[in-house]
Amino acid sequence: AEGRNIDGDCAAYDAFSKVVDDSEDEDQEAIARTLVNLLGDSS
């Protein structure tokens, strides 16, 4: 309700984070660019 955290369990968030954690160094800029693009998502 406060918009501070995900409400309850969300395995999908863990999977989303794991993609970043497991990424290669050469993919870091592309991942950062993607995350910045997602700051404009409607969700």
PDB file of all heavy atoms in Angstrom:
ATOM      1  N   ALA A   1       0.819  -1.220   0.000  1.00  0.00           N
ATOM      2  CA  ALA A   1       0.000   0.000   0.000  1.00  0.00           C
ATOM      3  C   ALA A   1       0.847   1.263   0.000  1.00  0.00           C
ATOM      4  O   ALA A   1       0.458   2.279  -0.580  1.00  0.00           O
ATOM      5  CB  ALA A   1      -0.936  -0.008   1.208  1.00  0.00           C
ATOM      6  N   GLU A   2       2.005   1.222   0.642  1.00  0.00           N
ATOM      7  CA  GLU A   2       2.884   2.403   0.681  1.00  0.00           C
ATOM      8  C   GLU A   2       3.744   2.540  -0.552  1.00  0.00           C
ATOM      9  O   GLU A   2       4.395   3.567  -0.752  1.00  0.00           O
ATOM     10  CB  GLU A   2       3.785   2.339   1.921  1.00  0.00           C
ATOM     11  CG  GLU A   2       3.070   2.473   3.256  1.00  0.00           C
ATOM     12  CD  GLU A   2       2.386   1.176   3.660  1.00  0.00           C
ATOM     13  OE1 GLU A   2       2.807   0.100   3.154  1.00  0.00           O
ATOM     14  OE2 GLU A   2       1.431   1.232   4.460  1.00  0.00           O
ATOM     15  N   GLY A   3       3.768   1.506  -1.405  1.00  0.00           N
ATOM     16  CA  GLY A   3       4.586   1.546  -2.606  1.00  0.00           C
ATOM     17  C   GLY A   3       6.061   1.375  -2.337  1.00  0.00           C
ATOM     18  O   GLY A   3       6.896   1.698  -3.176  1.00  0.00           O
ATOM     19  N   ARG A   4       6.400   0.836  -1.157  1.00  0.00           N
ATOM     20  CA  ARG A   4       7.811   0.739  -0.767  1.00  0.00           C
ATOM     21  C   ARG A   4       8.437  -0.606  -1.106  1.00  0.00           C
ATOM     22  O   ARG A   4       9.646  -0.698  -1.304  1.00  0.00           O
ATOM     23  CB  ARG A   4       7.943   0.984   0.738  1.00  0.00           C
ATOM     24  CG  ARG A   4       7.541   2.380   1.158  1.00  0.00           C
ATOM     25  CD  ARG A   4       7.650   2.557   2.663  1.00  0.00           C
ATOM     26  NE  ARG A   4       7.289   3.909   3.053  1.00  0.00           N
ATOM     27  CZ  ARG A   4       7.233   4.331   4.309  1.00  0.00           C
ATOM     28  NH1 ARG A   4       7.531   3.502   5.302  1.00  0.00           N
ATOM     29  NH2 ARG A   4       6.883   5.579   4.579  1.00  0.00           N
ATOM     30  N   ASN A   5       7.632  -1.662  -1.131  1.00  0.00           N
ATOM     31  CA  ASN A   5       8.153  -3.000  -1.377  1.00  0.00           C
ATOM     32  C   ASN A   5       7.121  -3.814  -2.149  1.00  0.00           C
ATOM     33  O   ASN A   5       5.943  -3.438  -2.234  1.00  0.00           O
ATOM     34  CB  ASN A   5       8.471  -3.715  -0.054  1.00  0.00           C
ATOM     35  CG  ASN A   5       9.645  -3.098   0.673  1.00  0.00           C
ATOM     36  OD1 ASN A   5      10.780  -3.198   0.221  1.00  0.00           O
ATOM     37  ND2 ASN A   5       9.373  -2.451   1.807  1.00  0.00           N
ATOM     38  N   ILE A   6       7.578  -4.938  -2.669  1.00  0.00           N
ATOM     39  CA  ILE A   6       6.647  -5.852  -3.314  1.00  0.00           C
ATOM     40  C   ILE A   6       5.790  -6.508  -2.240  1.00  0.00           C
ATOM     41  O   ILE A   6       6.280  -6.902  -1.176  1.00  0.00           O
ATOM     42  CB  ILE A   6       7.410  -6.905  -4.139  1.00  0.00           C
ATOM     43  CG1 ILE A   6       8.062  -6.214  -5.349  1.00  0.00           C
ATOM     44  CG2 ILE A   6       6.484  -8.023  -4.595  1.00  0.00           C
ATOM     45  CD1 ILE A   6       8.860  -7.138  -6.230  1.00  0.00           C
ATOM     46  N   ASP A   7       4.517  -6.590  -2.491  1.00  0.00           N
ATOM     47  CA  ASP A   7       3.556  -7.130  -1.535  1.00  0.00           C
ATOM     48  C   ASP A   7       3.591  -8.652  -1.579  1.00  0.00           C
ATOM     49  O   ASP A   7       3.255  -9.267  -2.588  1.00  0.00           O
ATOM     50  CB  ASP A   7       2.157  -6.617  -1.867  1.00  0.00           C
ATOM     51  CG  ASP A   7       1.153  -6.947  -0.778  1.00  0.00           C
ATOM     52  OD1 ASP A   7       1.589  -7.293   0.333  1.00  0.00           O
ATOM     53  OD2 ASP A   7      -0.061  -6.844  -1.029  1.00  0.00           O
ATOM     54  N   GLY A   8       4.001  -9.271  -0.461  1.00  0.00           N
ATOM     55  CA  GLY A   8       4.033 -10.724  -0.389  1.00  0.00           C
ATOM     56  C   GLY A   8       5.198 -11.330  -1.158  1.00  0.00           C
ATOM     57  O   GLY A   8       6.170 -10.662  -1.501  1.00  0.00           O
ATOM     58  N   ASP A   9       5.076 -12.642  -1.434  1.00  0.00           N
ATOM     59  CA  ASP A   9       6.131 -13.350  -2.164  1.00  0.00           C
ATOM     60  C   ASP A   9       6.013 -13.067  -3.658  1.00  0.00           C
ATOM     61  O   ASP A   9       4.911 -13.010  -4.211  1.00  0.00           O
ATOM     62  CB  ASP A   9       6.025 -14.860  -1.916  1.00  0.00           C
ATOM     63  CG  ASP A   9       6.305 -15.217  -0.460  1.00  0.00           C
ATOM     64  OD1 ASP A   9       7.109 -14.485   0.163  1.00  0.00           O
ATOM     65  OD2 ASP A   9       5.728 -16.203   0.025  1.00  0.00           O
ATOM     66  N   CYS A  10       7.146 -12.913  -4.290  1.00  0.00           N
ATOM     67  CA  CYS A  10       7.160 -12.686  -5.740  1.00  0.00           C
ATOM     68  C   CYS A  10       8.412 -13.347  -6.293  1.00  0.00           C
ATOM     69  O   CYS A  10       9.485 -12.721  -6.383  1.00  0.00           O
ATOM     70  CB  CYS A  10       7.135 -11.194  -6.063  1.00  0.00           C
ATOM     71  SG  CYS A  10       7.194 -10.831  -7.841  1.00  0.00           S
ATOM     72  N   ALA A  11       8.295 -14.618  -6.630  1.00  0.00           N
ATOM     73  CA  ALA A  11       9.434 -15.366  -7.157  1.00  0.00           C
ATOM     74  C   ALA A  11       9.947 -14.740  -8.444  1.00  0.00           C
ATOM     75  O   ALA A  11      11.142 -14.839  -8.762  1.00  0.00           O
ATOM     76  CB  ALA A  11       9.019 -16.821  -7.399  1.00  0.00           C
ATOM     77  N   ALA A  12       9.057 -14.073  -9.168  1.00  0.00           N
ATOM     78  CA  ALA A  12       9.462 -13.460 -10.435  1.00  0.00           C
ATOM     79  C   ALA A  12      10.489 -12.355 -10.213  1.00  0.00           C
ATOM     80  O   ALA A  12      11.362 -12.122 -11.062  1.00  0.00           O
ATOM     81  CB  ALA A  12       8.232 -12.908 -11.160  1.00  0.00           C
ATOM     82  N   TYR A  13      10.392 -11.658  -9.080  1.00  0.00           N
ATOM     83  CA  TYR A  13      11.392 -10.616  -8.801  1.00  0.00           C
ATOM     84  C   TYR A  13      12.764 -11.234  -8.590  1.00  0.00           C
ATOM     85  O   TYR A  13      13.781 -10.702  -9.060  1.00  0.00           O
ATOM     86  CB  TYR A  13      10.988  -9.804  -7.572  1.00  0.00           C
ATOM     87  CG  TYR A  13      12.046  -8.798  -7.169  1.00  0.00           C
ATOM     88  CD1 TYR A  13      12.199  -7.611  -7.878  1.00  0.00           C
ATOM     89  CD2 TYR A  13      12.912  -9.057  -6.103  1.00  0.00           C
ATOM     90  CE1 TYR A  13      13.190  -6.692  -7.529  1.00  0.00           C
ATOM     91  CE2 TYR A  13      13.896  -8.148  -5.744  1.00  0.00           C
ATOM     92  CZ  TYR A  13      14.032  -6.969  -6.463  1.00  0.00           C
ATOM     93  OH  TYR A  13      15.015  -6.081  -6.122  1.00  0.00           O
ATOM     94  N   ASP A  14      12.795 -12.369  -7.894  1.00  0.00           N
ATOM     95  CA  ASP A  14      14.059 -13.063  -7.680  1.00  0.00           C
ATOM     96  C   ASP A  14      14.663 -13.503  -9.013  1.00  0.00           C
ATOM     97  O   ASP A  14      15.880 -13.402  -9.223  1.00  0.00           O
ATOM     98  CB  ASP A  14      13.862 -14.272  -6.773  1.00  0.00           C
ATOM     99  CG  ASP A  14      13.391 -13.876  -5.376  1.00  0.00           C
ATOM    100  OD1 ASP A  14      13.712 -12.743  -4.954  1.00  0.00           O
ATOM    101  OD2 ASP A  14      12.691 -14.679  -4.726  1.00  0.00           O
ATOM    102  N   ALA A  15      13.799 -13.977  -9.896  1.00  0.00           N
ATOM    103  CA  ALA A  15      14.281 -14.399 -11.207  1.00  0.00           C
ATOM    104  C   ALA A  15      14.791 -13.205 -12.014  1.00  0.00           C
ATOM    105  O   ALA A  15      15.807 -13.290 -12.715  1.00  0.00           O
ATOM    106  CB  ALA A  15      13.148 -15.109 -11.962  1.00  0.00           C
ATOM    107  N   PHE A  16      14.088 -12.106 -11.895  1.00  0.00           N
ATOM    108  CA  PHE A  16      14.480 -10.876 -12.581  1.00  0.00           C
ATOM    109  C   PHE A  16      15.851 -10.399 -12.082  1.00  0.00           C
ATOM    110  O   PHE A  16      16.741 -10.069 -12.861  1.00  0.00           O
ATOM    111  CB  PHE A  16      13.402  -9.817 -12.324  1.00  0.00           C
ATOM    112  CG  PHE A  16      13.659  -8.478 -12.959  1.00  0.00           C
ATOM    113  CD1 PHE A  16      13.446  -8.286 -14.317  1.00  0.00           C
ATOM    114  CD2 PHE A  16      14.097  -7.404 -12.200  1.00  0.00           C
ATOM    115  CE1 PHE A  16      13.662  -7.050 -14.906  1.00  0.00           C
ATOM    116  CE2 PHE A  16      14.314  -6.159 -12.766  1.00  0.00           C
ATOM    117  CZ  PHE A  16      14.103  -5.990 -14.129  1.00  0.00           C
ATOM    118  N   SER A  17      16.028 -10.408 -10.775  1.00  0.00           N
ATOM    119  CA  SER A  17      17.297  -9.989 -10.192  1.00  0.00           C
ATOM    120  C   SER A  17      18.421 -10.944 -10.555  1.00  0.00           C
ATOM    121  O   SER A  17      19.573 -10.532 -10.756  1.00  0.00           O
ATOM    122  CB  SER A  17      17.181  -9.915  -8.662  1.00  0.00           C
ATOM    123  OG  SER A  17      16.199  -8.997  -8.265  1.00  0.00           O
ATOM    124  N   LYS A  18      18.095 -12.225 -10.663  1.00  0.00           N
ATOM    125  CA  LYS A  18      19.115 -13.235 -10.952  1.00  0.00           C
ATOM    126  C   LYS A  18      19.704 -13.040 -12.338  1.00  0.00           C
ATOM    127  O   LYS A  18      20.896 -13.295 -12.564  1.00  0.00           O
ATOM    128  CB  LYS A  18      18.508 -14.630 -10.828  1.00  0.00           C
ATOM    129  CG  LYS A  18      19.529 -15.764 -10.823  1.00  0.00           C
ATOM    130  CD  LYS A  18      18.862 -17.091 -10.511  1.00  0.00           C
ATOM    131  CE  LYS A  18      19.907 -18.191 -10.320  1.00  0.00           C
ATOM    132  NZ  LYS A  18      20.751 -18.402 -11.496  1.00  0.00           N
ATOM    133  N   VAL A  19      18.896 -12.565 -13.268  1.00  0.00           N
ATOM    134  CA  VAL A  19      19.410 -12.297 -14.610  1.00  0.00           C
ATOM    135  C   VAL A  19      20.535 -11.267 -14.539  1.00  0.00           C
ATOM    136  O   VAL A  19      21.561 -11.389 -15.219  1.00  0.00           O
ATOM    137  CB  VAL A  19      18.294 -11.799 -15.542  1.00  0.00           C
ATOM    138  CG1 VAL A  19      18.859 -11.349 -16.888  1.00  0.00           C
ATOM    139  CG2 VAL A  19      17.244 -12.884 -15.751  1.00  0.00           C
ATOM    140  N   VAL A  20      20.340 -10.279 -13.707  1.00  0.00           N
ATOM    141  CA  VAL A  20      21.362  -9.238 -13.543  1.00  0.00           C
ATOM    142  C   VAL A  20      22.575  -9.796 -12.812  1.00  0.00           C
ATOM    143  O   VAL A  20      23.726  -9.590 -13.218  1.00  0.00           O
ATOM    144  CB  VAL A  20      20.788  -8.031 -12.789  1.00  0.00           C
ATOM    145  CG1 VAL A  20      21.873  -6.973 -12.566  1.00  0.00           C
ATOM    146  CG2 VAL A  20      19.623  -7.433 -13.560  1.00  0.00           C
ATOM    147  N   ASP A  21      22.325 -10.526 -11.729  1.00  0.00           N
ATOM    148  CA  ASP A  21      23.421 -11.060 -10.926  1.00  0.00           C
ATOM    149  C   ASP A  21      24.298 -12.029 -11.716  1.00  0.00           C
ATOM    150  O   ASP A  21      25.527 -12.078 -11.506  1.00  0.00           O
ATOM    151  CB  ASP A  21      22.883 -11.765  -9.681  1.00  0.00           C
ATOM    152  CG  ASP A  21      22.189 -10.819  -8.720  1.00  0.00           C
ATOM    153  OD1 ASP A  21      22.462  -9.603  -8.793  1.00  0.00           O
ATOM    154  OD2 ASP A  21      21.356 -11.290  -7.919  1.00  0.00           O
ATOM    155  N   ASP A  22      23.679 -12.786 -12.598  1.00  0.00           N
ATOM    156  CA  ASP A  22      24.413 -13.818 -13.344  1.00  0.00           C
ATOM    157  C   ASP A  22      24.980 -13.318 -14.662  1.00  0.00           C
ATOM    158  O   ASP A  22      25.613 -14.087 -15.399  1.00  0.00           O
ATOM    159  CB  ASP A  22      23.495 -15.022 -13.625  1.00  0.00           C
ATOM    160  CG  ASP A  22      23.074 -15.737 -12.345  1.00  0.00           C
ATOM    161  OD1 ASP A  22      23.697 -15.468 -11.296  1.00  0.00           O
ATOM    162  OD2 ASP A  22      22.118 -16.533 -12.403  1.00  0.00           O
ATOM    163  N   SER A  23      24.779 -12.061 -14.986  1.00  0.00           N
ATOM    164  CA  SER A  23      25.195 -11.539 -16.287  1.00  0.00           C
ATOM    165  C   SER A  23      26.707 -11.395 -16.381  1.00  0.00           C
ATOM    166  O   SER A  23      27.406 -11.247 -15.369  1.00  0.00           O
ATOM    167  CB  SER A  23      24.533 -10.190 -16.549  1.00  0.00           C
ATOM    168  OG  SER A  23      24.962  -9.255 -15.583  1.00  0.00           O
ATOM    169  N   GLU A  24      27.200 -11.457 -17.593  1.00  0.00           N
ATOM    170  CA  GLU A  24      28.623 -11.267 -17.859  1.00  0.00           C
ATOM    171  C   GLU A  24      28.966  -9.781 -17.815  1.00  0.00           C
ATOM    172  O   GLU A  24      28.106  -8.917 -18.019  1.00  0.00           O
ATOM    173  CB  GLU A  24      28.983 -11.853 -19.221  1.00  0.00           C
ATOM    174  CG  GLU A  24      28.679 -13.335 -19.368  1.00  0.00           C
ATOM    175  CD  GLU A  24      29.551 -14.198 -18.460  1.00  0.00           C
ATOM    176  OE1 GLU A  24      30.672 -13.751 -18.117  1.00  0.00           O
ATOM    177  OE2 GLU A  24      29.113 -15.302 -18.097  1.00  0.00           O
ATOM    178  N   ASP A  25      30.235  -9.503 -17.587  1.00  0.00           N
ATOM    179  CA  ASP A  25      30.669  -8.116 -17.511  1.00  0.00           C
ATOM    180  C   ASP A  25      30.370  -7.344 -18.781  1.00  0.00           C
ATOM    181  O   ASP A  25      29.997  -6.162 -18.742  1.00  0.00           O
ATOM    182  CB  ASP A  25      32.172  -8.051 -17.213  1.00  0.00           C
ATOM    183  CG  ASP A  25      32.501  -8.499 -15.794  1.00  0.00           C
ATOM    184  OD1 ASP A  25      31.576  -8.555 -14.976  1.00  0.00           O
ATOM    185  OD2 ASP A  25      33.687  -8.792 -15.536  1.00  0.00           O
ATOM    186  N   GLU A  26      30.528  -8.010 -19.919  1.00  0.00           N
ATOM    187  CA  GLU A  26      30.316  -7.308 -21.194  1.00  0.00           C
ATOM    188  C   GLU A  26      28.853  -6.954 -21.422  1.00  0.00           C
ATOM    189  O   GLU A  26      28.518  -6.146 -22.307  1.00  0.00           O
ATOM    190  CB  GLU A  26      30.839  -8.139 -22.372  1.00  0.00           C
ATOM    191  CG  GLU A  26      30.205  -9.514 -22.509  1.00  0.00           C
ATOM    192  CD  GLU A  26      31.043 -10.595 -21.816  1.00  0.00           C
ATOM    193  OE1 GLU A  26      31.783 -10.253 -20.859  1.00  0.00           O
ATOM    194  OE2 GLU A  26      30.939 -11.761 -22.232  1.00  0.00           O
ATOM    195  N   ASP A  27      27.948  -7.541 -20.628  1.00  0.00           N
ATOM    196  CA  ASP A  27      26.521  -7.249 -20.782  1.00  0.00           C
ATOM    197  C   ASP A  27      26.037  -6.151 -19.825  1.00  0.00           C
ATOM    198  O   ASP A  27      24.866  -5.763 -19.866  1.00  0.00           O
ATOM    199  CB  ASP A  27      25.689  -8.514 -20.534  1.00  0.00           C
ATOM    200  CG  ASP A  27      25.922  -9.587 -21.584  1.00  0.00           C
ATOM    201  OD1 ASP A  27      26.226  -9.211 -22.742  1.00  0.00           O
ATOM    202  OD2 ASP A  27      25.820 -10.783 -21.250  1.00  0.00           O
ATOM    203  N   GLN A  28      26.918  -5.666 -18.963  1.00  0.00           N
ATOM    204  CA  GLN A  28      26.493  -4.739 -17.920  1.00  0.00           C
ATOM    205  C   GLN A  28      25.882  -3.449 -18.469  1.00  0.00           C
ATOM    206  O   GLN A  28      24.866  -2.971 -17.976  1.00  0.00           O
ATOM    207  CB  GLN A  28      27.676  -4.395 -17.018  1.00  0.00           C
ATOM    208  CG  GLN A  28      28.144  -5.547 -16.140  1.00  0.00           C
ATOM    209  CD  GLN A  28      27.124  -5.932 -15.080  1.00  0.00           C
ATOM    210  OE1 GLN A  28      26.793  -5.128 -14.211  1.00  0.00           O
ATOM    211  NE2 GLN A  28      26.620  -7.148 -15.155  1.00  0.00           N
ATOM    212  N   GLU A  29      26.487  -2.888 -19.497  1.00  0.00           N
ATOM    213  CA  GLU A  29      25.950  -1.641 -20.044  1.00  0.00           C
ATOM    214  C   GLU A  29      24.586  -1.866 -20.673  1.00  0.00           C
ATOM    215  O   GLU A  29      23.669  -1.051 -20.500  1.00  0.00           O
ATOM    216  CB  GLU A  29      26.921  -1.039 -21.059  1.00  0.00           C
ATOM    217  CG  GLU A  29      26.434   0.300 -21.592  1.00  0.00           C
ATOM    218  CD  GLU A  29      27.446   0.978 -22.522  1.00  0.00           C
ATOM    219  OE1 GLU A  29      28.577   0.466 -22.638  1.00  0.00           O
ATOM    220  OE2 GLU A  29      27.085   2.004 -23.130  1.00  0.00           O
ATOM    221  N   ALA A  30      24.419  -2.971 -21.407  1.00  0.00           N
ATOM    222  CA  ALA A  30      23.131  -3.273 -22.023  1.00  0.00           C
ATOM    223  C   ALA A  30      22.060  -3.504 -20.966  1.00  0.00           C
ATOM    224  O   ALA A  30      20.905  -3.077 -21.114  1.00  0.00           O
ATOM    225  CB  ALA A  30      23.255  -4.497 -22.936  1.00  0.00           C
ATOM    226  N   ILE A  31      22.443  -4.163 -19.879  1.00  0.00           N
ATOM    227  CA  ILE A  31      21.490  -4.402 -18.795  1.00  0.00           C
ATOM    228  C   ILE A  31      21.111  -3.086 -18.125  1.00  0.00           C
ATOM    229  O   ILE A  31      19.933  -2.830 -17.846  1.00  0.00           O
ATOM    230  CB  ILE A  31      22.085  -5.394 -17.778  1.00  0.00           C
ATOM    231  CG1 ILE A  31      22.105  -6.803 -18.382  1.00  0.00           C
ATOM    232  CG2 ILE A  31      21.292  -5.385 -16.473  1.00  0.00           C
ATOM    233  CD1 ILE A  31      22.766  -7.839 -17.511  1.00  0.00           C
ATOM    234  N   ALA A  32      22.114  -2.244 -17.871  1.00  0.00           N
ATOM    235  CA  ALA A  32      21.820  -0.939 -17.263  1.00  0.00           C
ATOM    236  C   ALA A  32      20.908  -0.119 -18.169  1.00  0.00           C
ATOM    237  O   ALA A  32      19.957   0.520 -17.698  1.00  0.00           O
ATOM    238  CB  ALA A  32      23.123  -0.186 -16.997  1.00  0.00           C
ATOM    239  N   ARG A  33      21.175  -0.137 -19.453  1.00  0.00           N
ATOM    240  CA  ARG A  33      20.335   0.603 -20.404  1.00  0.00           C
ATOM    241  C   ARG A  33      18.905   0.067 -20.395  1.00  0.00           C
ATOM    242  O   ARG A  33      17.930   0.828 -20.431  1.00  0.00           O
ATOM    243  CB  ARG A  33      20.937   0.503 -21.810  1.00  0.00           C
ATOM    244  CG  ARG A  33      20.159   1.287 -22.862  1.00  0.00           C
ATOM    245  CD  ARG A  33      20.857   1.270 -24.206  1.00  0.00           C
ATOM    246  NE  ARG A  33      21.031  -0.091 -24.715  1.00  0.00           N
ATOM    247  CZ  ARG A  33      22.204  -0.709 -24.852  1.00  0.00           C
ATOM    248  NH1 ARG A  33      23.327  -0.099 -24.471  1.00  0.00           N
ATOM    249  NH2 ARG A  33      22.266  -1.930 -25.329  1.00  0.00           N
ATOM    250  N   THR A  34      18.771  -1.251 -20.291  1.00  0.00           N
ATOM    251  CA  THR A  34      17.440  -1.859 -20.261  1.00  0.00           C
ATOM    252  C   THR A  34      16.689  -1.466 -18.994  1.00  0.00           C
ATOM    253  O   THR A  34      15.500  -1.120 -19.031  1.00  0.00           O
ATOM    254  CB  THR A  34      17.557  -3.390 -20.345  1.00  0.00           C
ATOM    255  OG1 THR A  34      18.260  -3.742 -21.542  1.00  0.00           O
ATOM    256  CG2 THR A  34      16.180  -4.044 -20.357  1.00  0.00           C
ATOM    257  N   LEU A  35      17.382  -1.504 -17.870  1.00  0.00           N
ATOM    258  CA  LEU A  35      16.749  -1.123 -16.607  1.00  0.00           C
ATOM    259  C   LEU A  35      16.308   0.332 -16.626  1.00  0.00           C
ATOM    260  O   LEU A  35      15.223   0.672 -16.129  1.00  0.00           O
ATOM    261  CB  LEU A  35      17.712  -1.381 -15.450  1.00  0.00           C
ATOM    262  CG  LEU A  35      18.000  -2.857 -15.125  1.00  0.00           C
ATOM    263  CD1 LEU A  35      19.141  -2.967 -14.123  1.00  0.00           C
ATOM    264  CD2 LEU A  35      16.747  -3.547 -14.586  1.00  0.00           C
ATOM    265  N   VAL A  36      17.132   1.201 -17.210  1.00  0.00           N
ATOM    266  CA  VAL A  36      16.742   2.614 -17.320  1.00  0.00           C
ATOM    267  C   VAL A  36      15.533   2.752 -18.232  1.00  0.00           C
ATOM    268  O   VAL A  36      14.609   3.532 -17.951  1.00  0.00           O
ATOM    269  CB  VAL A  36      17.927   3.460 -17.827  1.00  0.00           C
ATOM    270  CG1 VAL A  36      17.469   4.872 -18.157  1.00  0.00           C
ATOM    271  CG2 VAL A  36      19.034   3.500 -16.783  1.00  0.00           C
ATOM    272  N   ASN A  37      15.500   1.988 -19.319  1.00  0.00           N
ATOM    273  CA  ASN A  37      14.325   2.022 -20.191  1.00  0.00           C
ATOM    274  C   ASN A  37      13.073   1.565 -19.450  1.00  0.00           C
ATOM    275  O   ASN A  37      11.970   2.095 -19.670  1.00  0.00           O
ATOM    276  CB  ASN A  37      14.555   1.122 -21.413  1.00  0.00           C
ATOM    277  CG  ASN A  37      15.404   1.773 -22.483  1.00  0.00           C
ATOM    278  OD1 ASN A  37      15.449   3.008 -22.575  1.00  0.00           O
ATOM    279  ND2 ASN A  37      16.072   0.974 -23.296  1.00  0.00           N
ATOM    280  N   LEU A  38      13.229   0.595 -18.550  1.00  0.00           N
ATOM    281  CA  LEU A  38      12.081   0.077 -17.811  1.00  0.00           C
ATOM    282  C   LEU A  38      11.546   1.077 -16.793  1.00  0.00           C
ATOM    283  O   LEU A  38      10.440   0.898 -16.270  1.00  0.00           O
ATOM    284  CB  LEU A  38      12.454  -1.230 -17.112  1.00  0.00           C
ATOM    285  CG  LEU A  38      12.730  -2.426 -18.037  1.00  0.00           C
ATOM    286  CD1 LEU A  38      13.161  -3.639 -17.235  1.00  0.00           C
ATOM    287  CD2 LEU A  38      11.513  -2.749 -18.897  1.00  0.00           C
ATOM    288  N   LEU A  39      12.315   2.128 -16.506  1.00  0.00           N
ATOM    289  CA  LEU A  39      11.806   3.182 -15.616  1.00  0.00           C
ATOM    290  C   LEU A  39      10.634   3.925 -16.247  1.00  0.00           C
ATOM    291  O   LEU A  39       9.948   4.692 -15.565  1.00  0.00           O
ATOM    292  CB  LEU A  39      12.920   4.173 -15.281  1.00  0.00           C
ATOM    293  CG  LEU A  39      14.084   3.626 -14.448  1.00  0.00           C
ATOM    294  CD1 LEU A  39      15.181   4.675 -14.318  1.00  0.00           C
ATOM    295  CD2 LEU A  39      13.602   3.180 -13.072  1.00  0.00           C
ATOM    296  N   GLY A  40      10.403   3.695 -17.529  1.00  0.00           N
ATOM    297  CA  GLY A  40       9.266   4.301 -18.207  1.00  0.00           C
ATOM    298  C   GLY A  40       8.103   3.350 -18.395  1.00  0.00           C
ATOM    299  O   GLY A  40       7.125   3.682 -19.085  1.00  0.00           O
ATOM    300  N   ASP A  41       8.156   2.184 -17.791  1.00  0.00           N
ATOM    301  CA  ASP A  41       7.085   1.200 -17.934  1.00  0.00           C
ATOM    302  C   ASP A  41       5.825   1.668 -17.221  1.00  0.00           C
ATOM    303  O   ASP A  41       5.882   2.403 -16.221  1.00  0.00           O
ATOM    304  CB  ASP A  41       7.533  -0.148 -17.371  1.00  0.00           C
ATOM    305  CG  ASP A  41       6.646  -1.301 -17.827  1.00  0.00           C
ATOM    306  OD1 ASP A  41       6.919  -1.856 -18.903  1.00  0.00           O
ATOM    307  OD2 ASP A  41       5.691  -1.638 -17.097  1.00  0.00           O
ATOM    308  N   SER A  42       4.680   1.236 -17.712  1.00  0.00           N
ATOM    309  CA  SER A  42       3.405   1.649 -17.099  1.00  0.00           C
ATOM    310  C   SER A  42       3.139   0.944 -15.780  1.00  0.00           C
ATOM    311  O   SER A  42       2.322   1.404 -14.965  1.00  0.00           O
ATOM    312  CB  SER A  42       2.249   1.368 -18.064  1.00  0.00           C
ATOM    313  OG  SER A  42       2.192  -0.016 -18.390  1.00  0.00           O
ATOM    314  N   SER A  43       3.806  -0.164 -15.520  1.00  0.00           N
ATOM    315  CA  SER A  43       3.600  -0.927 -14.300  1.00  0.00           C
ATOM    316  C   SER A  43       4.512  -0.406 -13.195  1.00  0.00           C
ATOM    317  O   SER A  43       5.736  -0.356 -13.353  1.00  0.00           O
ATOM    318  CB  SER A  43       3.897  -2.419 -14.544  1.00  0.00           C
ATOM    319  OG  SER A  43       3.997  -3.127 -13.317  1.00  0.00           O
TER     320      SER A  43
END
